[in-house]
PDB file of N, CA and C in Angstrom:
ATOM      1  N   MET A   1      -1.357   6.142 -13.178  1.00  0.00           N
ATOM      2  CA  MET A   1      -1.367   6.869 -11.925  1.00  0.00           C
ATOM      3  C   MET A   1      -0.112   6.459 -11.140  1.00  0.00           C
ATOM      4  N   SER A   2       0.553   7.487 -10.566  1.00  0.00           N
ATOM      5  CA  SER A   2       1.701   7.202  -9.719  1.00  0.00           C
ATOM      6  C   SER A   2       1.373   7.459  -8.289  1.00  0.00           C
ATOM      7  N   CYS A   3       1.713   6.506  -7.457  1.00  0.00           N
ATOM      8  CA  CYS A   3       1.428   6.722  -6.008  1.00  0.00           C
ATOM      9  C   CYS A   3       2.647   7.149  -5.257  1.00  0.00           C
ATOM     10  N   SER A   4       2.417   7.704  -4.050  1.00  0.00           N
ATOM     11  CA  SER A   4       3.503   8.192  -3.247  1.00  0.00           C
ATOM     12  C   SER A   4       3.625   7.335  -1.946  1.00  0.00           C
ATOM     13  N   LEU A   5       4.736   7.543  -1.301  1.00  0.00           N
ATOM     14  CA  LEU A   5       4.941   6.909  -0.026  1.00  0.00           C
ATOM     15  C   LEU A   5       3.946   7.380   0.964  1.00  0.00           C
ATOM     16  N   GLU A   6       3.495   8.648   0.826  1.00  0.00           N
ATOM     17  CA  GLU A   6       2.474   9.170   1.760  1.00  0.00           C
ATOM     18  C   GLU A   6       1.154   8.436   1.603  1.00  0.00           C
ATOM     19  N   GLU A   7       0.797   8.120   0.396  1.00  0.00           N
ATOM     20  CA  GLU A   7      -0.453   7.313   0.180  1.00  0.00           C
ATOM     21  C   GLU A   7      -0.316   5.985   0.765  1.00  0.00           C
ATOM     22  N   ILE A   8       0.829   5.357   0.550  1.00  0.00           N
ATOM     23  CA  ILE A   8       1.053   4.035   1.154  1.00  0.00           C
ATOM     24  C   ILE A   8       0.951   4.067   2.630  1.00  0.00           C
ATOM     25  N   GLU A   9       1.567   5.059   3.240  1.00  0.00           N
ATOM     26  CA  GLU A   9       1.550   5.150   4.725  1.00  0.00           C
ATOM     27  C   GLU A   9       0.119   5.375   5.175  1.00  0.00           C
ATOM     28  N   ARG A  10      -0.618   6.258   4.531  1.00  0.00           N
ATOM     29  CA  ARG A  10      -2.034   6.503   4.915  1.00  0.00           C
ATOM     30  C   ARG A  10      -2.826   5.192   4.918  1.00  0.00           C
ATOM     31  N   MET A  11      -2.651   4.445   3.806  1.00  0.00           N
ATOM     32  CA  MET A  11      -3.373   3.213   3.771  1.00  0.00           C
ATOM     33  C   MET A  11      -2.949   2.149   4.727  1.00  0.00           C
ATOM     34  N   ARG A  12      -1.660   2.166   5.078  1.00  0.00           N
ATOM     35  CA  ARG A  12      -1.100   1.229   6.043  1.00  0.00           C
ATOM     36  C   ARG A  12      -1.674   1.553   7.393  1.00  0.00           C
ATOM     37  N   GLN A  13      -1.769   2.878   7.748  1.00  0.00           N
ATOM     38  CA  GLN A  13      -2.392   3.288   9.010  1.00  0.00           C
ATOM     39  C   GLN A  13      -3.877   2.918   9.045  1.00  0.00           C
ATOM     40  N   GLN A  14      -4.538   3.103   7.945  1.00  0.00           N
ATOM     41  CA  GLN A  14      -5.922   2.735   7.856  1.00  0.00           C
ATOM     42  C   GLN A  14      -6.130   1.207   8.085  1.00  0.00           C
ATOM     43  N   LEU A  15      -5.259   0.438   7.504  1.00  0.00           N
ATOM     44  CA  LEU A  15      -5.366  -1.030   7.730  1.00  0.00           C
ATOM     45  C   LEU A  15      -5.056  -1.363   9.138  1.00  0.00           C
ATOM     46  N   ASN A  16      -4.032  -0.756   9.780  1.00  0.00           N
ATOM     47  CA  ASN A  16      -3.765  -1.022  11.197  1.00  0.00           C
ATOM     48  C   ASN A  16      -4.859  -0.669  12.086  1.00  0.00           C
ATOM     49  N   THR A  17      -5.526   0.490  11.858  1.00  0.00           N
ATOM     50  CA  THR A  17      -6.622   0.943  12.651  1.00  0.00           C
ATOM     51  C   THR A  17      -7.797  -0.027  12.521  1.00  0.00           C
ATOM     52  N   LEU A  18      -8.133  -0.474  11.322  1.00  0.00           N
ATOM     53  CA  LEU A  18      -9.217  -1.408  11.080  1.00  0.00           C
ATOM     54  C   LEU A  18      -8.954  -2.741  11.813  1.00  0.00           C
ATOM     55  N   VAL A  19      -7.813  -3.211  11.709  1.00  0.00           N
ATOM     56  CA  VAL A  19      -7.381  -4.523  12.356  1.00  0.00           C
ATOM     57  C   VAL A  19      -7.594  -4.348  13.826  1.00  0.00           C
ATOM     58  N   SER A  20      -7.173  -3.263  14.411  1.00  0.00           N
ATOM     59  CA  SER A  20      -7.341  -3.023  15.848  1.00  0.00           C
ATOM     60  C   SER A  20      -8.834  -2.995  16.174  1.00  0.00           C
ATOM     61  N   GLU A  21      -9.593  -2.247  15.398  1.00  0.00           N
ATOM     62  CA  GLU A  21     -11.058  -2.173  15.684  1.00  0.00           C
ATOM     63  C   GLU A  21     -11.704  -3.545  15.603  1.00  0.00           C
ATOM     64  N   LEU A  22     -11.201  -4.354  14.744  1.00  0.00           N
ATOM     65  CA  LEU A  22     -11.804  -5.723  14.561  1.00  0.00           C
ATOM     66  C   LEU A  22     -11.121  -6.745  15.469  1.00  0.00           C
ATOM     67  N   LYS A  23     -10.384  -6.292  16.457  1.00  0.00           N
ATOM     68  CA  LYS A  23      -9.664  -7.112  17.395  1.00  0.00           C
ATOM     69  C   LYS A  23      -8.812  -8.192  16.811  1.00  0.00           C
ATOM     70  N   GLY A  24      -8.060  -7.780  15.768  1.00  0.00           N
ATOM     71  CA  GLY A  24      -7.053  -8.671  15.167  1.00  0.00           C
ATOM     72  C   GLY A  24      -7.635  -9.604  14.166  1.00  0.00           C
ATOM     73  N   ASN A  25      -8.850  -9.400  13.672  1.00  0.00           N
ATOM     74  CA  ASN A  25      -9.433 -10.262  12.707  1.00  0.00           C
ATOM     75  C   ASN A  25      -8.902  -9.957  11.272  1.00  0.00           C
ATOM     76  N   PHE A  26      -7.832 -10.653  10.923  1.00  0.00           N
ATOM     77  CA  PHE A  26      -7.216 -10.455   9.642  1.00  0.00           C
ATOM     78  C   PHE A  26      -8.054 -11.026   8.467  1.00  0.00           C
ATOM     79  N   LEU A  27      -9.023 -11.851   8.805  1.00  0.00           N
ATOM     80  CA  LEU A  27      -9.819 -12.471   7.755  1.00  0.00           C
ATOM     81  C   LEU A  27     -11.108 -11.739   7.437  1.00  0.00           C
ATOM     82  N   HIS A  28     -11.350 -10.630   8.105  1.00  0.00           N
ATOM     83  CA  HIS A  28     -12.525  -9.870   7.818  1.00  0.00           C
ATOM     84  C   HIS A  28     -12.448  -9.302   6.430  1.00  0.00           C
ATOM     85  N   PRO A  29     -13.568  -9.397   5.675  1.00  0.00           N
ATOM     86  CA  PRO A  29     -13.512  -8.940   4.227  1.00  0.00           C
ATOM     87  C   PRO A  29     -13.003  -7.496   4.096  1.00  0.00           C
ATOM     88  N   ALA A  30     -13.338  -6.582   5.000  1.00  0.00           N
ATOM     89  CA  ALA A  30     -12.795  -5.176   4.879  1.00  0.00           C
ATOM     90  C   ALA A  30     -11.318  -5.127   5.047  1.00  0.00           C
ATOM     91  N   VAL A  31     -10.742  -5.922   5.907  1.00  0.00           N
ATOM     92  CA  VAL A  31      -9.321  -6.038   6.061  1.00  0.00           C
ATOM     93  C   VAL A  31      -8.645  -6.585   4.846  1.00  0.00           C
ATOM     94  N   ILE A  32      -9.218  -7.598   4.349  1.00  0.00           N
ATOM     95  CA  ILE A  32      -8.688  -8.232   3.069  1.00  0.00           C
ATOM     96  C   ILE A  32      -8.674  -7.253   1.944  1.00  0.00           C
ATOM     97  N   GLU A  33      -9.752  -6.497   1.794  1.00  0.00           N
ATOM     98  CA  GLU A  33      -9.858  -5.537   0.706  1.00  0.00           C
ATOM     99  C   GLU A  33      -8.806  -4.386   0.862  1.00  0.00           C
ATOM    100  N   ILE A  34      -8.683  -3.848   2.003  1.00  0.00           N
ATOM    101  CA  ILE A  34      -7.765  -2.781   2.257  1.00  0.00           C
ATOM    102  C   ILE A  34      -6.370  -3.331   2.034  1.00  0.00           C
ATOM    103  N   SER A  35      -6.054  -4.565   2.476  1.00  0.00           N
ATOM    104  CA  SER A  35      -4.747  -5.141   2.304  1.00  0.00           C
ATOM    105  C   SER A  35      -4.431  -5.325   0.819  1.00  0.00           C
ATOM    106  N   ARG A  36      -5.443  -5.701   0.067  1.00  0.00           N
ATOM    107  CA  ARG A  36      -5.230  -5.830  -1.413  1.00  0.00           C
ATOM    108  C   ARG A  36      -4.943  -4.477  -2.054  1.00  0.00           C
ATOM    109  N   GLN A  37      -5.655  -3.438  -1.573  1.00  0.00           N
ATOM    110  CA  GLN A  37      -5.401  -2.113  -2.074  1.00  0.00           C
ATOM    111  C   GLN A  37      -3.992  -1.626  -1.795  1.00  0.00           C
ATOM    112  N   LEU A  38      -3.617  -1.907  -0.497  1.00  0.00           N
ATOM    113  CA  LEU A  38      -2.262  -1.509  -0.105  1.00  0.00           C
ATOM    114  C   LEU A  38      -1.181  -2.308  -0.906  1.00  0.00           C
ATOM    115  N   ASP A  39      -1.420  -3.571  -1.176  1.00  0.00           N
ATOM    116  CA  ASP A  39      -0.479  -4.346  -2.005  1.00  0.00           C
ATOM    117  C   ASP A  39      -0.385  -3.726  -3.356  1.00  0.00           C
ATOM    118  N   SER A  40      -1.533  -3.262  -3.931  1.00  0.00           N
ATOM    119  CA  SER A  40      -1.517  -2.678  -5.286  1.00  0.00           C
ATOM    120  C   SER A  40      -0.719  -1.351  -5.244  1.00  0.00           C
ATOM    121  N   LEU A  41      -0.921  -0.529  -4.194  1.00  0.00           N
ATOM    122  CA  LEU A  41      -0.173   0.690  -4.139  1.00  0.00           C
ATOM    123  C   LEU A  41       1.372   0.472  -4.093  1.00  0.00           C
ATOM    124  N   ILE A  42       1.695  -0.524  -3.194  1.00  0.00           N
ATOM    125  CA  ILE A  42       3.125  -0.857  -3.076  1.00  0.00           C
ATOM    126  C   ILE A  42       3.686  -1.331  -4.363  1.00  0.00           C
ATOM    127  N   ASN A  43       2.995  -2.214  -5.050  1.00  0.00           N
ATOM    128  CA  ASN A  43       3.450  -2.712  -6.323  1.00  0.00           C
ATOM    129  C   ASN A  43       3.596  -1.599  -7.355  1.00  0.00           C
ATOM    130  N   GLU A  44       2.598  -0.714  -7.360  1.00  0.00           N
ATOM    131  CA  GLU A  44       2.653   0.394  -8.298  1.00  0.00           C
ATOM    132  C   GLU A  44       3.889   1.268  -7.994  1.00  0.00           C
ATOM    133  N   TYR A  45       4.076   1.561  -6.737  1.00  0.00           N
ATOM    134  CA  TYR A  45       5.224   2.381  -6.309  1.00  0.00           C
ATOM    135  C   TYR A  45       6.580   1.746  -6.795  1.00  0.00           C
ATOM    136  N   LEU A  46       6.666   0.436  -6.493  1.00  0.00           N
ATOM    137  CA  LEU A  46       7.923  -0.278  -6.802  1.00  0.00           C
ATOM    138  C   LEU A  46       8.161  -0.293  -8.300  1.00  0.00           C
ATOM    139  N   GLN A  47       7.058  -0.501  -9.080  1.00  0.00           N
ATOM    140  CA  GLN A  47       7.208  -0.472 -10.549  1.00  0.00           C
ATOM    141  C   GLN A  47       7.697   0.854 -11.035  1.00  0.00           C
ATOM    142  N   THR A  48       7.116   1.911 -10.499  1.00  0.00           N
ATOM    143  CA  THR A  48       7.521   3.252 -10.816  1.00  0.00           C
ATOM    144  C   THR A  48       8.999   3.459 -10.498  1.00  0.00           C
ATOM    145  N   LYS A  49       9.445   3.027  -9.372  1.00  0.00           N
ATOM    146  CA  LYS A  49      10.828   3.220  -9.017  1.00  0.00           C
ATOM    147  C   LYS A  49      11.786   2.328  -9.834  1.00  0.00           C
ATOM    148  N   THR A  50      11.270   1.182 -10.201  1.00  0.00           N
ATOM    149  CA  THR A  50      12.113   0.254 -11.017  1.00  0.00           C
ATOM    150  C   THR A  50      12.287   0.850 -12.418  1.00  0.00           C
ATOM    151  N   VAL A  51      11.195   1.394 -12.988  1.00  0.00           N
ATOM    152  CA  VAL A  51      11.271   1.995 -14.306  1.00  0.00           C
ATOM    153  C   VAL A  51      12.121   3.259 -14.266  1.00  0.00           C
ATOM    154  N   ALA A  52      11.982   4.058 -13.209  1.00  0.00           N
ATOM    155  CA  ALA A  52      12.795   5.303 -13.125  1.00  0.00           C
ATOM    156  C   ALA A  52      14.278   4.891 -13.009  1.00  0.00           C
ATOM    157  N   HIS A  53      14.616   3.866 -12.260  1.00  0.00           N
ATOM    158  CA  HIS A  53      15.957   3.479 -12.109  1.00  0.00           C
ATOM    159  C   HIS A  53      16.523   2.954 -13.421  1.00  0.00           C
ATOM    160  N   ALA A  54      15.677   2.233 -14.178  1.00  0.00           N
ATOM    161  CA  ALA A  54      16.109   1.692 -15.475  1.00  0.00           C
ATOM    162  C   ALA A  54      16.481   2.790 -16.485  1.00  0.00           C
ATOM    163  N   VAL A  55      15.795   3.938 -16.376  1.00  0.00           N
ATOM    164  CA  VAL A  55      16.139   5.028 -17.315  1.00  0.00           C
ATOM    165  C   VAL A  55      17.082   6.024 -16.691  1.00  0.00           C
ATOM    166  N   GLY A  56      17.653   5.740 -15.540  1.00  0.00           N
ATOM    167  CA  GLY A  56      18.685   6.555 -14.943  1.00  0.00           C
ATOM    168  C   GLY A  56      18.203   7.665 -14.038  1.00  0.00           C
ATOM    169  N   ASP A  57      17.023   7.616 -13.630  1.00  0.00           N
ATOM    170  CA  ASP A  57      16.493   8.663 -12.657  1.00  0.00           C
ATOM    171  C   ASP A  57      16.592   7.998 -11.276  1.00  0.00           C
ATOM    172  N   ASN A  58      17.414   8.592 -10.427  1.00  0.00           N
ATOM    173  CA  ASN A  58      17.620   8.009  -9.101  1.00  0.00           C
ATOM    174  C   ASN A  58      16.841   8.746  -8.024  1.00  0.00           C
ATOM    175  N   SER A  59      15.728   9.302  -8.337  1.00  0.00           N
ATOM    176  CA  SER A  59      14.885   9.998  -7.325  1.00  0.00           C
ATOM    177  C   SER A  59      14.102   9.041  -6.476  1.00  0.00           C
TER     178      SER A  59
END
């Protein structure tokens, strides 16, 4: 599965909203879970870009 910057941005906004709702509680289990999901999306995106760059695709 390939993720997009739009997906990353949506999840980032979701994380920011949740943290605001929880009054800055970064240790809440829901915040930790969304943060992990966001990390996975970012890693997937970067891997895709790294592989594309390695084969000469500069998109």
